[in-house]
Amino acid sequence: MEKKMTYEEAMKRLEEIVKKIESGEMDIDLLAQHLKEAKSLVEFCKEKLTNVEEEVKKCLDM
């Protein structure tokens, strides 16, 4: 990812990729590239959610 992205931006981009794949708009030559990007976005979102979960647990344990 080029810049610091928010969770919402990452989810929006994932939705765009999925829509293109499902609609058949995706050029077969770009499919692997977009799947790689989607994988990276999913990992980013999982990390963000894990970090938020840890922060919430810390706050609740206070």
PDB file of N, CA and C in Angstrom:
ATOM      1  N   MET A   1       0.840  -1.183   0.000  1.00  0.00           N
ATOM      2  CA  MET A   1       0.000   0.000   0.000  1.00  0.00           C
ATOM      3  C   MET A   1       0.885   1.246   0.000  1.00  0.00           C
ATOM      4  N   GLU A   2       0.511   2.220  -0.802  1.00  0.00           N
ATOM      5  CA  GLU A   2       1.339   3.389  -1.008  1.00  0.00           C
ATOM      6  C   GLU A   2       1.396   4.312   0.201  1.00  0.00           C
ATOM      7  N   LYS A   3       0.289   4.550   0.835  1.00  0.00           N
ATOM      8  CA  LYS A   3       0.229   5.518   1.925  1.00  0.00           C
ATOM      9  C   LYS A   3      -0.415   4.876   3.147  1.00  0.00           C
ATOM     10  N   LYS A   4      -0.358   5.605   4.250  1.00  0.00           N
ATOM     11  CA  LYS A   4      -1.072   5.143   5.434  1.00  0.00           C
ATOM     12  C   LYS A   4      -2.560   5.175   5.117  1.00  0.00           C
ATOM     13  N   MET A   5      -3.180   4.043   5.265  1.00  0.00           N
ATOM     14  CA  MET A   5      -4.582   3.888   4.894  1.00  0.00           C
ATOM     15  C   MET A   5      -5.394   3.659   6.159  1.00  0.00           C
ATOM     16  N   THR A   6      -6.610   4.155   6.158  1.00  0.00           N
ATOM     17  CA  THR A   6      -7.497   3.872   7.275  1.00  0.00           C
ATOM     18  C   THR A   6      -8.190   2.535   7.026  1.00  0.00           C
ATOM     19  N   TYR A   7      -8.775   1.999   8.071  1.00  0.00           N
ATOM     20  CA  TYR A   7      -9.527   0.750   7.956  1.00  0.00           C
ATOM     21  C   TYR A   7     -10.660   0.923   6.937  1.00  0.00           C
ATOM     22  N   GLU A   8     -11.349   2.050   7.011  1.00  0.00           N
ATOM     23  CA  GLU A   8     -12.477   2.296   6.116  1.00  0.00           C
ATOM     24  C   GLU A   8     -12.033   2.365   4.660  1.00  0.00           C
ATOM     25  N   GLU A   9     -10.894   3.013   4.409  1.00  0.00           N
ATOM     26  CA  GLU A   9     -10.374   3.099   3.043  1.00  0.00           C
ATOM     27  C   GLU A   9     -10.002   1.713   2.513  1.00  0.00           C
ATOM     28  N   ALA A  10      -9.385   0.910   3.367  1.00  0.00           N
ATOM     29  CA  ALA A  10      -8.990  -0.442   2.972  1.00  0.00           C
ATOM     30  C   ALA A  10     -10.222  -1.287   2.652  1.00  0.00           C
ATOM     31  N   MET A  11     -11.255  -1.185   3.478  1.00  0.00           N
ATOM     32  CA  MET A  11     -12.477  -1.945   3.228  1.00  0.00           C
ATOM     33  C   MET A  11     -13.155  -1.492   1.934  1.00  0.00           C
ATOM     34  N   LYS A  12     -13.159  -0.192   1.690  1.00  0.00           N
ATOM     35  CA  LYS A  12     -13.762   0.329   0.460  1.00  0.00           C
ATOM     36  C   LYS A  12     -13.015  -0.209  -0.760  1.00  0.00           C
ATOM     37  N   ARG A  13     -11.695  -0.227  -0.710  1.00  0.00           N
ATOM     38  CA  ARG A  13     -10.909  -0.745  -1.823  1.00  0.00           C
ATOM     39  C   ARG A  13     -11.164  -2.239  -2.025  1.00  0.00           C
ATOM     40  N   LEU A  14     -11.260  -2.984  -0.923  1.00  0.00           N
ATOM     41  CA  LEU A  14     -11.572  -4.410  -1.020  1.00  0.00           C
ATOM     42  C   LEU A  14     -12.919  -4.618  -1.701  1.00  0.00           C
ATOM     43  N   GLU A  15     -13.908  -3.825  -1.325  1.00  0.00           N
ATOM     44  CA  GLU A  15     -15.237  -3.920  -1.934  1.00  0.00           C
ATOM     45  C   GLU A  15     -15.169  -3.639  -3.432  1.00  0.00           C
ATOM     46  N   GLU A  16     -14.361  -2.649  -3.828  1.00  0.00           N
ATOM     47  CA  GLU A  16     -14.208  -2.332  -5.250  1.00  0.00           C
ATOM     48  C   GLU A  16     -13.630  -3.520  -6.012  1.00  0.00           C
ATOM     49  N   ILE A  17     -12.600  -4.131  -5.445  1.00  0.00           N
ATOM     50  CA  ILE A  17     -11.957  -5.277  -6.089  1.00  0.00           C
ATOM     51  C   ILE A  17     -12.942  -6.431  -6.226  1.00  0.00           C
ATOM     52  N   VAL A  18     -13.664  -6.728  -5.165  1.00  0.00           N
ATOM     53  CA  VAL A  18     -14.630  -7.830  -5.185  1.00  0.00           C
ATOM     54  C   VAL A  18     -15.716  -7.577  -6.230  1.00  0.00           C
ATOM     55  N   LYS A  19     -16.230  -6.355  -6.280  1.00  0.00           N
ATOM     56  CA  LYS A  19     -17.270  -6.024  -7.266  1.00  0.00           C
ATOM     57  C   LYS A  19     -16.768  -6.234  -8.687  1.00  0.00           C
ATOM     58  N   LYS A  20     -15.531  -5.810  -8.954  1.00  0.00           N
ATOM     59  CA  LYS A  20     -14.970  -5.979 -10.297  1.00  0.00           C
ATOM     60  C   LYS A  20     -14.830  -7.453 -10.644  1.00  0.00           C
ATOM     61  N   ILE A  21     -14.378  -8.243  -9.689  1.00  0.00           N
ATOM     62  CA  ILE A  21     -14.211  -9.679  -9.937  1.00  0.00           C
ATOM     63  C   ILE A  21     -15.569 -10.326 -10.176  1.00  0.00           C
ATOM     64  N   GLU A  22     -16.539 -10.027  -9.317  1.00  0.00           N
ATOM     65  CA  GLU A  22     -17.863 -10.631  -9.433  1.00  0.00           C
ATOM     66  C   GLU A  22     -18.599 -10.213 -10.708  1.00  0.00           C
ATOM     67  N   SER A  23     -18.361  -8.990 -11.158  1.00  0.00           N
ATOM     68  CA  SER A  23     -19.081  -8.493 -12.333  1.00  0.00           C
ATOM     69  C   SER A  23     -18.441  -8.930 -13.644  1.00  0.00           C
ATOM     70  N   GLY A  24     -17.250  -9.481 -13.547  1.00  0.00           N
ATOM     71  CA  GLY A  24     -16.549  -9.883 -14.762  1.00  0.00           C
ATOM     72  C   GLY A  24     -15.803  -8.743 -15.419  1.00  0.00           C
ATOM     73  N   GLU A  25     -15.758  -7.581 -14.764  1.00  0.00           N
ATOM     74  CA  GLU A  25     -15.040  -6.419 -15.296  1.00  0.00           C
ATOM     75  C   GLU A  25     -13.528  -6.603 -15.229  1.00  0.00           C
ATOM     76  N   MET A  26     -13.072  -7.526 -14.423  1.00  0.00           N
ATOM     77  CA  MET A  26     -11.655  -7.695 -14.164  1.00  0.00           C
ATOM     78  C   MET A  26     -10.965  -8.333 -15.364  1.00  0.00           C
ATOM     79  N   ASP A  27      -9.988  -7.627 -15.902  1.00  0.00           N
ATOM     80  CA  ASP A  27      -9.156  -8.159 -16.976  1.00  0.00           C
ATOM     81  C   ASP A  27      -8.336  -9.313 -16.398  1.00  0.00           C
ATOM     82  N   ILE A  28      -8.311 -10.421 -17.078  1.00  0.00           N
ATOM     83  CA  ILE A  28      -7.627 -11.620 -16.586  1.00  0.00           C
ATOM     84  C   ILE A  28      -6.152 -11.341 -16.312  1.00  0.00           C
ATOM     85  N   ASP A  29      -5.555 -10.426 -17.067  1.00  0.00           N
ATOM     86  CA  ASP A  29      -4.150 -10.090 -16.874  1.00  0.00           C
ATOM     87  C   ASP A  29      -3.915  -9.340 -15.563  1.00  0.00           C
ATOM     88  N   LEU A  30      -4.950  -8.697 -15.069  1.00  0.00           N
ATOM     89  CA  LEU A  30      -4.825  -7.944 -13.822  1.00  0.00           C
ATOM     90  C   LEU A  30      -5.331  -8.720 -12.608  1.00  0.00           C
ATOM     91  N   LEU A  31      -5.937  -9.853 -12.836  1.00  0.00           N
ATOM     92  CA  LEU A  31      -6.547 -10.615 -11.753  1.00  0.00           C
ATOM     93  C   LEU A  31      -5.546 -10.944 -10.645  1.00  0.00           C
ATOM     94  N   ALA A  32      -4.386 -11.485 -10.997  1.00  0.00           N
ATOM     95  CA  ALA A  32      -3.385 -11.851  -9.991  1.00  0.00           C
ATOM     96  C   ALA A  32      -2.932 -10.629  -9.202  1.00  0.00           C
ATOM     97  N   GLN A  33      -2.740  -9.521  -9.888  1.00  0.00           N
ATOM     98  CA  GLN A  33      -2.321  -8.283  -9.233  1.00  0.00           C
ATOM     99  C   GLN A  33      -3.371  -7.816  -8.221  1.00  0.00           C
ATOM    100  N   HIS A  34      -4.632  -7.866  -8.616  1.00  0.00           N
ATOM    101  CA  HIS A  34      -5.704  -7.425  -7.728  1.00  0.00           C
ATOM    102  C   HIS A  34      -5.900  -8.393  -6.561  1.00  0.00           C
ATOM    103  N   LEU A  35      -5.719  -9.675  -6.808  1.00  0.00           N
ATOM    104  CA  LEU A  35      -5.832 -10.636  -5.717  1.00  0.00           C
ATOM    105  C   LEU A  35      -4.710 -10.429  -4.696  1.00  0.00           C
ATOM    106  N   LYS A  36      -3.531 -10.106  -5.185  1.00  0.00           N
ATOM    107  CA  LYS A  36      -2.399  -9.823  -4.300  1.00  0.00           C
ATOM    108  C   LYS A  36      -2.695  -8.576  -3.451  1.00  0.00           C
ATOM    109  N   GLU A  37      -3.238  -7.552  -4.094  1.00  0.00           N
ATOM    110  CA  GLU A  37      -3.616  -6.335  -3.374  1.00  0.00           C
ATOM    111  C   GLU A  37      -4.697  -6.636  -2.339  1.00  0.00           C
ATOM    112  N   ALA A  38      -5.680  -7.431  -2.716  1.00  0.00           N
ATOM    113  CA  ALA A  38      -6.761  -7.793  -1.793  1.00  0.00           C
ATOM    114  C   ALA A  38      -6.212  -8.541  -0.586  1.00  0.00           C
ATOM    115  N   LYS A  39      -5.282  -9.454  -0.810  1.00  0.00           N
ATOM    116  CA  LYS A  39      -4.677 -10.201   0.294  1.00  0.00           C
ATOM    117  C   LYS A  39      -3.976  -9.247   1.257  1.00  0.00           C
ATOM    118  N   SER A  40      -3.244  -8.302   0.713  1.00  0.00           N
ATOM    119  CA  SER A  40      -2.553  -7.314   1.529  1.00  0.00           C
ATOM    120  C   SER A  40      -3.549  -6.469   2.331  1.00  0.00           C
ATOM    121  N   LEU A  41      -4.641  -6.085   1.699  1.00  0.00           N
ATOM    122  CA  LEU A  41      -5.669  -5.291   2.380  1.00  0.00           C
ATOM    123  C   LEU A  41      -6.333  -6.084   3.504  1.00  0.00           C
ATOM    124  N   VAL A  42      -6.590  -7.357   3.272  1.00  0.00           N
ATOM    125  CA  VAL A  42      -7.197  -8.206   4.306  1.00  0.00           C
ATOM    126  C   VAL A  42      -6.256  -8.318   5.504  1.00  0.00           C
ATOM    127  N   GLU A  43      -4.975  -8.514   5.246  1.00  0.00           N
ATOM    128  CA  GLU A  43      -3.998  -8.602   6.333  1.00  0.00           C
ATOM    129  C   GLU A  43      -3.943  -7.297   7.121  1.00  0.00           C
ATOM    130  N   PHE A  44      -3.976  -6.179   6.406  1.00  0.00           N
ATOM    131  CA  PHE A  44      -3.977  -4.864   7.040  1.00  0.00           C
ATOM    132  C   PHE A  44      -5.199  -4.706   7.956  1.00  0.00           C
ATOM    133  N   CYS A  45      -6.376  -5.078   7.454  1.00  0.00           N
ATOM    134  CA  CYS A  45      -7.612  -4.952   8.233  1.00  0.00           C
ATOM    135  C   CYS A  45      -7.595  -5.855   9.458  1.00  0.00           C
ATOM    136  N   LYS A  46      -7.096  -7.082   9.291  1.00  0.00           N
ATOM    137  CA  LYS A  46      -7.008  -8.001  10.429  1.00  0.00           C
ATOM    138  C   LYS A  46      -6.101  -7.422  11.513  1.00  0.00           C
ATOM    139  N   GLU A  47      -4.988  -6.846  11.108  1.00  0.00           N
ATOM    140  CA  GLU A  47      -4.061  -6.256  12.073  1.00  0.00           C
ATOM    141  C   GLU A  47      -4.706  -5.085  12.805  1.00  0.00           C
ATOM    142  N   LYS A  48      -5.399  -4.238  12.056  1.00  0.00           N
ATOM    143  CA  LYS A  48      -6.097  -3.100  12.674  1.00  0.00           C
ATOM    144  C   LYS A  48      -7.119  -3.583  13.702  1.00  0.00           C
ATOM    145  N   LEU A  49      -7.921  -4.591  13.330  1.00  0.00           N
ATOM    146  CA  LEU A  49      -8.940  -5.104  14.247  1.00  0.00           C
ATOM    147  C   LEU A  49      -8.312  -5.729  15.491  1.00  0.00           C
ATOM    148  N   THR A  50      -7.209  -6.442  15.304  1.00  0.00           N
ATOM    149  CA  THR A  50      -6.516  -7.049  16.438  1.00  0.00           C
ATOM    150  C   THR A  50      -6.003  -5.970  17.383  1.00  0.00           C
ATOM    151  N   ASN A  51      -5.432  -4.910  16.826  1.00  0.00           N
ATOM    152  CA  ASN A  51      -4.921  -3.817  17.655  1.00  0.00           C
ATOM    153  C   ASN A  51      -6.040  -3.130  18.437  1.00  0.00           C
ATOM    154  N   VAL A  52      -7.166  -2.913  17.782  1.00  0.00           N
ATOM    155  CA  VAL A  52      -8.302  -2.275  18.460  1.00  0.00           C
ATOM    156  C   VAL A  52      -8.825  -3.187  19.567  1.00  0.00           C
ATOM    157  N   GLU A  53      -8.910  -4.472  19.293  1.00  0.00           N
ATOM    158  CA  GLU A  53      -9.376  -5.425  20.296  1.00  0.00           C
ATOM    159  C   GLU A  53      -8.475  -5.393  21.530  1.00  0.00           C
ATOM    160  N   GLU A  54      -7.170  -5.347  21.319  1.00  0.00           N
ATOM    161  CA  GLU A  54      -6.227  -5.294  22.432  1.00  0.00           C
ATOM    162  C   GLU A  54      -6.397  -4.012  23.237  1.00  0.00           C
ATOM    163  N   GLU A  55      -6.590  -2.893  22.549  1.00  0.00           N
ATOM    164  CA  GLU A  55      -6.797  -1.616  23.228  1.00  0.00           C
ATOM    165  C   GLU A  55      -8.080  -1.625  24.059  1.00  0.00           C
ATOM    166  N   VAL A  56      -9.137  -2.180  23.508  1.00  0.00           N
ATOM    167  CA  VAL A  56     -10.411  -2.259  24.228  1.00  0.00           C
ATOM    168  C   VAL A  56     -10.252  -3.132  25.475  1.00  0.00           C
ATOM    169  N   LYS A  57      -9.569  -4.255  25.339  1.00  0.00           N
ATOM    170  CA  LYS A  57      -9.339  -5.131  26.499  1.00  0.00           C
ATOM    171  C   LYS A  57      -8.560  -4.394  27.577  1.00  0.00           C
ATOM    172  N   LYS A  58      -7.545  -3.625  27.187  1.00  0.00           N
ATOM    173  CA  LYS A  58      -6.768  -2.862  28.162  1.00  0.00           C
ATOM    174  C   LYS A  58      -7.649  -1.867  28.894  1.00  0.00           C
ATOM    175  N   CYS A  59      -8.508  -1.191  28.144  1.00  0.00           N
ATOM    176  CA  CYS A  59      -9.392  -0.189  28.748  1.00  0.00           C
ATOM    177  C   CYS A  59     -10.380  -0.851  29.711  1.00  0.00           C
ATOM    178  N   LEU A  60     -10.877  -2.013  29.352  1.00  0.00           N
ATOM    179  CA  LEU A  60     -11.858  -2.679  30.202  1.00  0.00           C
ATOM    180  C   LEU A  60     -11.234  -3.278  31.448  1.00  0.00           C
ATOM    181  N   ASP A  61      -9.936  -3.579  31.377  1.00  0.00           N
ATOM    182  CA  ASP A  61      -9.240  -4.151  32.526  1.00  0.00           C
ATOM    183  C   ASP A  61      -8.819  -3.101  33.544  1.00  0.00           C
ATOM    184  N   MET A  62      -8.968  -1.824  33.220  1.00  0.00           N
ATOM    185  CA  MET A  62      -8.540  -0.753  34.132  1.00  0.00           C
ATOM    186  C   MET A  62      -9.446  -0.628  35.302  1.00  0.00           C
TER     187      MET A  62
END
